[in-house]
Amino acid sequence: MYGTIATLSIDPANVEKLGAMLKEWNEKEDADAIGFVGGYMLQTDADASVVKMMAVFENVEKYRANAARPEQDAWYQQLRALLHDDPKWEDGQVIAT
């Protein structure tokens, strides 16, 4: 498996909108996402303006194919509009669950 962890900087007032976006993605895009296994968002206790997001895919090829979908880019643009700045992404192999 392969995935990404993103660190998001967001106004805490927008966290509910962010959660709604993930729920909508899971309901509408999940079926079309190429190789999607699962994902999570976590709002940190230490700083309510920091959200960690993780998405896992079957492999790196499917991860990249999904990222190239226009629907995924449209979703990302909506996500980015809620954030203070660009997410910090860390991609890699999932070595244990």
PDB file of N, CA and C in Angstrom:
ATOM      1  N   MET A   1       0.842  -1.177   0.000  1.00  0.00           N
ATOM      2  CA  MET A   1       0.000   0.000   0.000  1.00  0.00           C
ATOM      3  C   MET A   1       0.886   1.238   0.000  1.00  0.00           C
ATOM      4  N   TYR A   2       0.281   2.345  -0.416  1.00  0.00           N
ATOM      5  CA  TYR A   2       1.003   3.601  -0.536  1.00  0.00           C
ATOM      6  C   TYR A   2       0.068   4.714  -0.089  1.00  0.00           C
ATOM      7  N   GLY A   3       0.617   5.767   0.482  1.00  0.00           N
ATOM      8  CA  GLY A   3      -0.260   6.847   0.931  1.00  0.00           C
ATOM      9  C   GLY A   3       0.444   8.162   1.120  1.00  0.00           C
ATOM     10  N   THR A   4      -0.334   9.089   1.641  1.00  0.00           N
ATOM     11  CA  THR A   4       0.170  10.422   1.914  1.00  0.00           C
ATOM     12  C   THR A   4      -0.383  10.900   3.240  1.00  0.00           C
ATOM     13  N   ILE A   5       0.429  11.691   3.934  1.00  0.00           N
ATOM     14  CA  ILE A   5      -0.012  12.390   5.133  1.00  0.00           C
ATOM     15  C   ILE A   5       0.200  13.870   4.853  1.00  0.00           C
ATOM     16  N   ALA A   6      -0.856  14.637   5.054  1.00  0.00           N
ATOM     17  CA  ALA A   6      -0.776  16.078   4.834  1.00  0.00           C
ATOM     18  C   ALA A   6      -0.985  16.796   6.157  1.00  0.00           C
ATOM     19  N   THR A   7      -0.224  17.850   6.367  1.00  0.00           N
ATOM     20  CA  THR A   7      -0.425  18.738   7.502  1.00  0.00           C
ATOM     21  C   THR A   7      -1.092  19.986   6.955  1.00  0.00           C
ATOM     22  N   LEU A   8      -2.286  20.280   7.492  1.00  0.00           N
ATOM     23  CA  LEU A   8      -3.085  21.403   7.023  1.00  0.00           C
ATOM     24  C   LEU A   8      -3.142  22.478   8.095  1.00  0.00           C
ATOM     25  N   SER A   9      -2.993  23.722   7.700  1.00  0.00           N
ATOM     26  CA  SER A   9      -3.152  24.860   8.595  1.00  0.00           C
ATOM     27  C   SER A   9      -4.477  25.534   8.242  1.00  0.00           C
ATOM     28  N   ILE A  10      -5.415  25.539   9.190  1.00  0.00           N
ATOM     29  CA  ILE A  10      -6.778  25.964   8.904  1.00  0.00           C
ATOM     30  C   ILE A  10      -7.340  26.780  10.059  1.00  0.00           C
ATOM     31  N   ASP A  11      -8.204  27.727   9.744  1.00  0.00           N
ATOM     32  CA  ASP A  11      -8.944  28.436  10.781  1.00  0.00           C
ATOM     33  C   ASP A  11      -9.862  27.405  11.438  1.00  0.00           C
ATOM     34  N   PRO A  12      -9.811  27.247  12.758  1.00  0.00           N
ATOM     35  CA  PRO A  12     -10.668  26.264  13.419  1.00  0.00           C
ATOM     36  C   PRO A  12     -12.152  26.406  13.060  1.00  0.00           C
ATOM     37  N   ALA A  13     -12.580  27.596  12.683  1.00  0.00           N
ATOM     38  CA  ALA A  13     -13.977  27.798  12.279  1.00  0.00           C
ATOM     39  C   ALA A  13     -14.299  27.049  10.986  1.00  0.00           C
ATOM     40  N   ASN A  14     -13.275  26.691  10.207  1.00  0.00           N
ATOM     41  CA  ASN A  14     -13.486  25.977   8.941  1.00  0.00           C
ATOM     42  C   ASN A  14     -13.340  24.462   9.063  1.00  0.00           C
ATOM     43  N   VAL A  15     -13.026  23.957  10.248  1.00  0.00           N
ATOM     44  CA  VAL A  15     -12.811  22.521  10.408  1.00  0.00           C
ATOM     45  C   VAL A  15     -14.093  21.736  10.107  1.00  0.00           C
ATOM     46  N   GLU A  16     -15.224  22.248  10.507  1.00  0.00           N
ATOM     47  CA  GLU A  16     -16.490  21.557  10.225  1.00  0.00           C
ATOM     48  C   GLU A  16     -16.726  21.461   8.712  1.00  0.00           C
ATOM     49  N   LYS A  17     -16.419  22.532   7.980  1.00  0.00           N
ATOM     50  CA  LYS A  17     -16.545  22.517   6.515  1.00  0.00           C
ATOM     51  C   LYS A  17     -15.606  21.469   5.919  1.00  0.00           C
ATOM     52  N   LEU A  18     -14.400  21.392   6.461  1.00  0.00           N
ATOM     53  CA  LEU A  18     -13.426  20.416   5.997  1.00  0.00           C
ATOM     54  C   LEU A  18     -13.945  18.991   6.207  1.00  0.00           C
ATOM     55  N   GLY A  19     -14.519  18.735   7.379  1.00  0.00           N
ATOM     56  CA  GLY A  19     -15.093  17.426   7.659  1.00  0.00           C
ATOM     57  C   GLY A  19     -16.238  17.094   6.712  1.00  0.00           C
ATOM     58  N   ALA A  20     -17.061  18.091   6.402  1.00  0.00           N
ATOM     59  CA  ALA A  20     -18.172  17.891   5.460  1.00  0.00           C
ATOM     60  C   ALA A  20     -17.643  17.575   4.064  1.00  0.00           C
ATOM     61  N   MET A  21     -16.535  18.215   3.684  1.00  0.00           N
ATOM     62  CA  MET A  21     -15.938  17.927   2.378  1.00  0.00           C
ATOM     63  C   MET A  21     -15.456  16.482   2.303  1.00  0.00           C
ATOM     64  N   LEU A  22     -14.840  15.981   3.379  1.00  0.00           N
ATOM     65  CA  LEU A  22     -14.370  14.601   3.390  1.00  0.00           C
ATOM     66  C   LEU A  22     -15.550  13.644   3.323  1.00  0.00           C
ATOM     67  N   LYS A  23     -16.600  13.953   4.074  1.00  0.00           N
ATOM     68  CA  LYS A  23     -17.794  13.097   4.046  1.00  0.00           C
ATOM     69  C   LYS A  23     -18.374  13.059   2.630  1.00  0.00           C
ATOM     70  N   GLU A  24     -18.483  14.226   1.994  1.00  0.00           N
ATOM     71  CA  GLU A  24     -19.007  14.287   0.631  1.00  0.00           C
ATOM     72  C   GLU A  24     -18.102  13.518  -0.331  1.00  0.00           C
ATOM     73  N   TRP A  25     -16.798  13.654  -0.178  1.00  0.00           N
ATOM     74  CA  TRP A  25     -15.864  12.915  -1.039  1.00  0.00           C
ATOM     75  C   TRP A  25     -16.082  11.421  -0.870  1.00  0.00           C
ATOM     76  N   ASN A  26     -16.214  10.979   0.390  1.00  0.00           N
ATOM     77  CA  ASN A  26     -16.422   9.553   0.644  1.00  0.00           C
ATOM     78  C   ASN A  26     -17.716   9.051   0.001  1.00  0.00           C
ATOM     79  N   GLU A  27     -18.743   9.887  -0.025  1.00  0.00           N
ATOM     80  CA  GLU A  27     -20.031   9.477  -0.584  1.00  0.00           C
ATOM     81  C   GLU A  27     -20.048   9.525  -2.107  1.00  0.00           C
ATOM     82  N   LYS A  28     -19.357  10.498  -2.707  1.00  0.00           N
ATOM     83  CA  LYS A  28     -19.444  10.697  -4.154  1.00  0.00           C
ATOM     84  C   LYS A  28     -18.232  10.206  -4.921  1.00  0.00           C
ATOM     85  N   GLU A  29     -17.046  10.505  -4.434  1.00  0.00           N
ATOM     86  CA  GLU A  29     -15.828  10.235  -5.193  1.00  0.00           C
ATOM     87  C   GLU A  29     -15.191   8.895  -4.860  1.00  0.00           C
ATOM     88  N   ASP A  30     -15.433   8.380  -3.668  1.00  0.00           N
ATOM     89  CA  ASP A  30     -14.779   7.153  -3.228  1.00  0.00           C
ATOM     90  C   ASP A  30     -14.928   6.040  -4.260  1.00  0.00           C
ATOM     91  N   ALA A  31     -16.110   5.885  -4.822  1.00  0.00           N
ATOM     92  CA  ALA A  31     -16.336   4.814  -5.797  1.00  0.00           C
ATOM     93  C   ALA A  31     -15.517   5.017  -7.066  1.00  0.00           C
ATOM     94  N   ASP A  32     -15.225   6.259  -7.407  1.00  0.00           N
ATOM     95  CA  ASP A  32     -14.468   6.566  -8.622  1.00  0.00           C
ATOM     96  C   ASP A  32     -12.965   6.686  -8.372  1.00  0.00           C
ATOM     97  N   ALA A  33     -12.581   6.825  -7.123  1.00  0.00           N
ATOM     98  CA  ALA A  33     -11.162   6.985  -6.803  1.00  0.00           C
ATOM     99  C   ALA A  33     -10.422   5.702  -7.154  1.00  0.00           C
ATOM    100  N   ILE A  34      -9.324   5.851  -7.815  1.00  0.00           N
ATOM    101  CA  ILE A  34      -8.558   4.707  -8.311  1.00  0.00           C
ATOM    102  C   ILE A  34      -7.722   4.111  -7.185  1.00  0.00           C
ATOM    103  N   GLY A  35      -8.076   2.917  -6.744  1.00  0.00           N
ATOM    104  CA  GLY A  35      -7.285   2.208  -5.750  1.00  0.00           C
ATOM    105  C   GLY A  35      -7.373   2.732  -4.334  1.00  0.00           C
ATOM    106  N   PHE A  36      -8.365   3.552  -4.016  1.00  0.00           N
ATOM    107  CA  PHE A  36      -8.486   4.136  -2.679  1.00  0.00           C
ATOM    108  C   PHE A  36      -8.810   3.062  -1.653  1.00  0.00           C
ATOM    109  N   VAL A  37      -8.056   3.039  -0.548  1.00  0.00           N
ATOM    110  CA  VAL A  37      -8.268   2.077   0.531  1.00  0.00           C
ATOM    111  C   VAL A  37      -8.993   2.738   1.702  1.00  0.00           C
ATOM    112  N   GLY A  38      -8.556   3.921   2.094  1.00  0.00           N
ATOM    113  CA  GLY A  38      -9.177   4.605   3.218  1.00  0.00           C
ATOM    114  C   GLY A  38      -8.462   5.898   3.554  1.00  0.00           C
ATOM    115  N   GLY A  39      -9.100   6.693   4.405  1.00  0.00           N
ATOM    116  CA  GLY A  39      -8.496   7.956   4.788  1.00  0.00           C
ATOM    117  C   GLY A  39      -9.029   8.461   6.114  1.00  0.00           C
ATOM    118  N   TYR A  40      -8.276   9.360   6.716  1.00  0.00           N
ATOM    119  CA  TYR A  40      -8.630   9.935   8.013  1.00  0.00           C
ATOM    120  C   TYR A  40      -8.220  11.392   8.060  1.00  0.00           C
ATOM    121  N   MET A  41      -8.915  12.151   8.916  1.00  0.00           N
ATOM    122  CA  MET A  41      -8.494  13.513   9.262  1.00  0.00           C
ATOM    123  C   MET A  41      -8.500  13.606  10.775  1.00  0.00           C
ATOM    124  N   LEU A  42      -7.477  14.259  11.309  1.00  0.00           N
ATOM    125  CA  LEU A  42      -7.334  14.402  12.744  1.00  0.00           C
ATOM    126  C   LEU A  42      -7.026  15.861  13.069  1.00  0.00           C
ATOM    127  N   GLN A  43      -7.834  16.455  13.921  1.00  0.00           N
ATOM    128  CA  GLN A  43      -7.552  17.807  14.412  1.00  0.00           C
ATOM    129  C   GLN A  43      -6.730  17.646  15.684  1.00  0.00           C
ATOM    130  N   THR A  44      -5.562  18.257  15.730  1.00  0.00           N
ATOM    131  CA  THR A  44      -4.659  18.026  16.859  1.00  0.00           C
ATOM    132  C   THR A  44      -5.155  18.712  18.132  1.00  0.00           C
ATOM    133  N   ASP A  45      -4.911  18.055  19.256  1.00  0.00           N
ATOM    134  CA  ASP A  45      -5.226  18.639  20.559  1.00  0.00           C
ATOM    135  C   ASP A  45      -4.316  19.821  20.854  1.00  0.00           C
ATOM    136  N   ALA A  46      -3.066  19.722  20.412  1.00  0.00           N
ATOM    137  CA  ALA A  46      -2.081  20.751  20.723  1.00  0.00           C
ATOM    138  C   ALA A  46      -2.387  22.082  20.056  1.00  0.00           C
ATOM    139  N   ASP A  47      -3.008  22.033  18.861  1.00  0.00           N
ATOM    140  CA  ASP A  47      -3.277  23.262  18.114  1.00  0.00           C
ATOM    141  C   ASP A  47      -4.495  23.019  17.222  1.00  0.00           C
ATOM    142  N   ALA A  48      -5.620  23.617  17.568  1.00  0.00           N
ATOM    143  CA  ALA A  48      -6.876  23.393  16.837  1.00  0.00           C
ATOM    144  C   ALA A  48      -6.818  23.873  15.390  1.00  0.00           C
ATOM    145  N   SER A  49      -5.787  24.631  15.035  1.00  0.00           N
ATOM    146  CA  SER A  49      -5.655  25.096  13.650  1.00  0.00           C
ATOM    147  C   SER A  49      -4.831  24.134  12.798  1.00  0.00           C
ATOM    148  N   VAL A  50      -4.411  23.011  13.382  1.00  0.00           N
ATOM    149  CA  VAL A  50      -3.623  22.013  12.647  1.00  0.00           C
ATOM    150  C   VAL A  50      -4.454  20.745  12.482  1.00  0.00           C
ATOM    151  N   VAL A  51      -4.598  20.326  11.226  1.00  0.00           N
ATOM    152  CA  VAL A  51      -5.299  19.087  10.895  1.00  0.00           C
ATOM    153  C   VAL A  51      -4.323  18.199  10.125  1.00  0.00           C
ATOM    154  N   LYS A  52      -4.285  16.934  10.489  1.00  0.00           N
ATOM    155  CA  LYS A  52      -3.493  15.938   9.769  1.00  0.00           C
ATOM    156  C   LYS A  52      -4.471  15.107   8.949  1.00  0.00           C
ATOM    157  N   MET A  53      -4.140  14.901   7.686  1.00  0.00           N
ATOM    158  CA  MET A  53      -4.995  14.120   6.800  1.00  0.00           C
ATOM    159  C   MET A  53      -4.163  12.980   6.231  1.00  0.00           C
ATOM    160  N   MET A  54      -4.738  11.773   6.208  1.00  0.00           N
ATOM    161  CA  MET A  54      -4.039  10.628   5.639  1.00  0.00           C
ATOM    162  C   MET A  54      -4.947   9.944   4.636  1.00  0.00           C
ATOM    163  N   ALA A  55      -4.385   9.605   3.484  1.00  0.00           N
ATOM    164  CA  ALA A  55      -5.094   8.844   2.462  1.00  0.00           C
ATOM    165  C   ALA A  55      -4.214   7.674   2.047  1.00  0.00           C
ATOM    166  N   VAL A  56      -4.817   6.489   1.922  1.00  0.00           N
ATOM    167  CA  VAL A  56      -4.080   5.278   1.574  1.00  0.00           C
ATOM    168  C   VAL A  56      -4.672   4.677   0.303  1.00  0.00           C
ATOM    169  N   PHE A  57      -3.775   4.232  -0.573  1.00  0.00           N
ATOM    170  CA  PHE A  57      -4.152   3.626  -1.850  1.00  0.00           C
ATOM    171  C   PHE A  57      -3.484   2.264  -1.977  1.00  0.00           C
ATOM    172  N   GLU A  58      -3.962   1.464  -2.918  1.00  0.00           N
ATOM    173  CA  GLU A  58      -3.442   0.111  -3.106  1.00  0.00           C
ATOM    174  C   GLU A  58      -1.954   0.102  -3.440  1.00  0.00           C
ATOM    175  N   ASN A  59      -1.511   1.075  -4.243  1.00  0.00           N
ATOM    176  CA  ASN A  59      -0.097   1.147  -4.615  1.00  0.00           C
ATOM    177  C   ASN A  59       0.210   2.544  -5.150  1.00  0.00           C
ATOM    178  N   VAL A  60       1.469   2.817  -5.394  1.00  0.00           N
ATOM    179  CA  VAL A  60       1.895   4.146  -5.825  1.00  0.00           C
ATOM    180  C   VAL A  60       1.314   4.508  -7.189  1.00  0.00           C
ATOM    181  N   GLU A  61       1.183   3.537  -8.086  1.00  0.00           N
ATOM    182  CA  GLU A  61       0.649   3.822  -9.416  1.00  0.00           C
ATOM    183  C   GLU A  61      -0.809   4.290  -9.330  1.00  0.00           C
ATOM    184  N   LYS A  62      -1.588   3.626  -8.500  1.00  0.00           N
ATOM    185  CA  LYS A  62      -3.003   4.023  -8.353  1.00  0.00           C
ATOM    186  C   LYS A  62      -3.124   5.350  -7.601  1.00  0.00           C
ATOM    187  N   TYR A  63      -2.231   5.579  -6.651  1.00  0.00           N
ATOM    188  CA  TYR A  63      -2.195   6.866  -5.949  1.00  0.00           C
ATOM    189  C   TYR A  63      -1.981   8.005  -6.947  1.00  0.00           C
ATOM    190  N   ARG A  64      -0.995   7.842  -7.817  1.00  0.00           N
ATOM    191  CA  ARG A  64      -0.687   8.888  -8.804  1.00  0.00           C
ATOM    192  C   ARG A  64      -1.794   9.021  -9.850  1.00  0.00           C
ATOM    193  N   ALA A  65      -2.388   7.888 -10.263  1.00  0.00           N
ATOM    194  CA  ALA A  65      -3.491   7.943 -11.228  1.00  0.00           C
ATOM    195  C   ALA A  65      -4.681   8.672 -10.633  1.00  0.00           C
ATOM    196  N   ASN A  66      -4.965   8.443  -9.363  1.00  0.00           N
ATOM    197  CA  ASN A  66      -6.069   9.154  -8.719  1.00  0.00           C
ATOM    198  C   ASN A  66      -5.768  10.643  -8.622  1.00  0.00           C
ATOM    199  N   ALA A  67      -4.549  10.976  -8.260  1.00  0.00           N
ATOM    200  CA  ALA A  67      -4.162  12.388  -8.133  1.00  0.00           C
ATOM    201  C   ALA A  67      -4.298  13.127  -9.458  1.00  0.00           C
ATOM    202  N   ALA A  68      -4.177  12.414 -10.565  1.00  0.00           N
ATOM    203  CA  ALA A  68      -4.255  13.038 -11.893  1.00  0.00           C
ATOM    204  C   ALA A  68      -5.690  13.233 -12.373  1.00  0.00           C
ATOM    205  N   ARG A  69      -6.665  12.697 -11.662  1.00  0.00           N
ATOM    206  CA  ARG A  69      -8.067  12.843 -12.064  1.00  0.00           C
ATOM    207  C   ARG A  69      -8.529  14.294 -11.909  1.00  0.00           C
ATOM    208  N   PRO A  70      -9.231  14.857 -12.898  1.00  0.00           N
ATOM    209  CA  PRO A  70      -9.744  16.231 -12.778  1.00  0.00           C
ATOM    210  C   PRO A  70     -10.666  16.401 -11.569  1.00  0.00           C
ATOM    211  N   GLU A  71     -11.438  15.374 -11.245  1.00  0.00           N
ATOM    212  CA  GLU A  71     -12.346  15.453 -10.091  1.00  0.00           C
ATOM    213  C   GLU A  71     -11.568  15.592  -8.787  1.00  0.00           C
ATOM    214  N   GLN A  72     -10.418  14.933  -8.724  1.00  0.00           N
ATOM    215  CA  GLN A  72      -9.592  15.034  -7.522  1.00  0.00           C
ATOM    216  C   GLN A  72      -8.987  16.428  -7.405  1.00  0.00           C
ATOM    217  N   ASP A  73      -8.556  16.992  -8.529  1.00  0.00           N
ATOM    218  CA  ASP A  73      -8.018  18.346  -8.505  1.00  0.00           C
ATOM    219  C   ASP A  73      -9.092  19.349  -8.096  1.00  0.00           C
ATOM    220  N   ALA A  74     -10.317  19.181  -8.577  1.00  0.00           N
ATOM    221  CA  ALA A  74     -11.413  20.090  -8.206  1.00  0.00           C
ATOM    222  C   ALA A  74     -11.665  20.020  -6.700  1.00  0.00           C
ATOM    223  N   TRP A  75     -11.630  18.803  -6.153  1.00  0.00           N
ATOM    224  CA  TRP A  75     -11.815  18.641  -4.704  1.00  0.00           C
ATOM    225  C   TRP A  75     -10.675  19.313  -3.953  1.00  0.00           C
ATOM    226  N   TYR A  76      -9.451  19.123  -4.440  1.00  0.00           N
ATOM    227  CA  TYR A  76      -8.291  19.743  -3.795  1.00  0.00           C
ATOM    228  C   TYR A  76      -8.411  21.273  -3.807  1.00  0.00           C
ATOM    229  N   GLN A  77      -8.865  21.842  -4.898  1.00  0.00           N
ATOM    230  CA  GLN A  77      -9.004  23.296  -4.980  1.00  0.00           C
ATOM    231  C   GLN A  77      -9.996  23.812  -3.934  1.00  0.00           C
ATOM    232  N   GLN A  78     -11.071  23.062  -3.696  1.00  0.00           N
ATOM    233  CA  GLN A  78     -12.026  23.430  -2.642  1.00  0.00           C
ATOM    234  C   GLN A  78     -11.363  23.326  -1.266  1.00  0.00           C
ATOM    235  N   LEU A  79     -10.596  22.267  -1.072  1.00  0.00           N
ATOM    236  CA  LEU A  79      -9.869  22.079   0.181  1.00  0.00           C
ATOM    237  C   LEU A  79      -8.911  23.245   0.407  1.00  0.00           C
ATOM    238  N   ARG A  80      -8.135  23.563  -0.611  1.00  0.00           N
ATOM    239  CA  ARG A  80      -7.117  24.610  -0.493  1.00  0.00           C
ATOM    240  C   ARG A  80      -7.722  25.958  -0.133  1.00  0.00           C
ATOM    241  N   ALA A  81      -8.946  26.212  -0.618  1.00  0.00           N
ATOM    242  CA  ALA A  81      -9.613  27.487  -0.332  1.00  0.00           C
ATOM    243  C   ALA A  81      -9.911  27.658   1.161  1.00  0.00           C
ATOM    244  N   LEU A  82      -9.968  26.569   1.905  1.00  0.00           N
ATOM    245  CA  LEU A  82     -10.236  26.633   3.347  1.00  0.00           C
ATOM    246  C   LEU A  82      -8.977  26.829   4.182  1.00  0.00           C
ATOM    247  N   LEU A  83      -7.811  26.667   3.574  1.00  0.00           N
ATOM    248  CA  LEU A  83      -6.554  26.636   4.318  1.00  0.00           C
ATOM    249  C   LEU A  83      -5.831  27.975   4.328  1.00  0.00           C
ATOM    250  N   HIS A  84      -4.985  28.157   5.347  1.00  0.00           N
ATOM    251  CA  HIS A  84      -4.140  29.349   5.431  1.00  0.00           C
ATOM    252  C   HIS A  84      -3.048  29.341   4.364  1.00  0.00           C
ATOM    253  N   ASP A  85      -2.503  28.154   4.075  1.00  0.00           N
ATOM    254  CA  ASP A  85      -1.427  28.021   3.092  1.00  0.00           C
ATOM    255  C   ASP A  85      -1.453  26.616   2.511  1.00  0.00           C
ATOM    256  N   ASP A  86      -0.525  26.324   1.616  1.00  0.00           N
ATOM    257  CA  ASP A  86      -0.488  25.008   0.995  1.00  0.00           C
ATOM    258  C   ASP A  86      -0.220  23.920   2.030  1.00  0.00           C
ATOM    259  N   PRO A  87      -0.848  22.757   1.860  1.00  0.00           N
ATOM    260  CA  PRO A  87      -0.555  21.641   2.767  1.00  0.00           C
ATOM    261  C   PRO A  87       0.902  21.207   2.629  1.00  0.00           C
ATOM    262  N   LYS A  88       1.403  20.592   3.675  1.00  0.00           N
ATOM    263  CA  LYS A  88       2.724  19.971   3.635  1.00  0.00           C
ATOM    264  C   LYS A  88       2.472  18.471   3.488  1.00  0.00           C
ATOM    265  N   TRP A  89       2.931  17.899   2.360  1.00  0.00           N
ATOM    266  CA  TRP A  89       2.655  16.502   2.015  1.00  0.00           C
ATOM    267  C   TRP A  89       3.867  15.633   2.312  1.00  0.00           C
ATOM    268  N   GLU A  90       3.606  14.431   2.823  1.00  0.00           N
ATOM    269  CA  GLU A  90       4.636  13.417   2.995  1.00  0.00           C
ATOM    270  C   GLU A  90       4.065  12.119   2.448  1.00  0.00           C
ATOM    271  N   ASP A  91       4.625  11.645   1.328  1.00  0.00           N
ATOM    272  CA  ASP A  91       4.174  10.430   0.675  1.00  0.00           C
ATOM    273  C   ASP A  91       5.087   9.268   1.046  1.00  0.00           C
ATOM    274  N   GLY A  92       4.539   8.051   1.032  1.00  0.00           N
ATOM    275  CA  GLY A  92       5.394   6.902   1.300  1.00  0.00           C
ATOM    276  C   GLY A  92       4.659   5.580   1.323  1.00  0.00           C
ATOM    277  N   GLN A  93       5.450   4.520   1.433  1.00  0.00           N
ATOM    278  CA  GLN A  93       4.922   3.168   1.523  1.00  0.00           C
ATOM    279  C   GLN A  93       4.325   2.944   2.913  1.00  0.00           C
ATOM    280  N   VAL A  94       3.155   2.300   2.936  1.00  0.00           N
ATOM    281  CA  VAL A  94       2.561   1.879   4.206  1.00  0.00           C
ATOM    282  C   VAL A  94       3.240   0.574   4.568  1.00  0.00           C
ATOM    283  N   ILE A  95       3.903   0.536   5.724  1.00  0.00           N
ATOM    284  CA  ILE A  95       4.667  -0.649   6.095  1.00  0.00           C
ATOM    285  C   ILE A  95       3.962  -1.505   7.147  1.00  0.00           C
ATOM    286  N   ALA A  96       2.899  -0.987   7.784  1.00  0.00           N
ATOM    287  CA  ALA A  96       2.149  -1.761   8.773  1.00  0.00           C
ATOM    288  C   ALA A  96       0.798  -1.092   9.001  1.00  0.00           C
ATOM    289  N   THR A  97      -0.180  -1.900   9.402  1.00  0.00           N
ATOM    290  CA  THR A  97      -1.505  -1.366   9.755  1.00  0.00           C
ATOM    291  C   THR A  97      -1.899  -1.858  11.128  1.00  0.00           C
TER     292      THR A  97
END
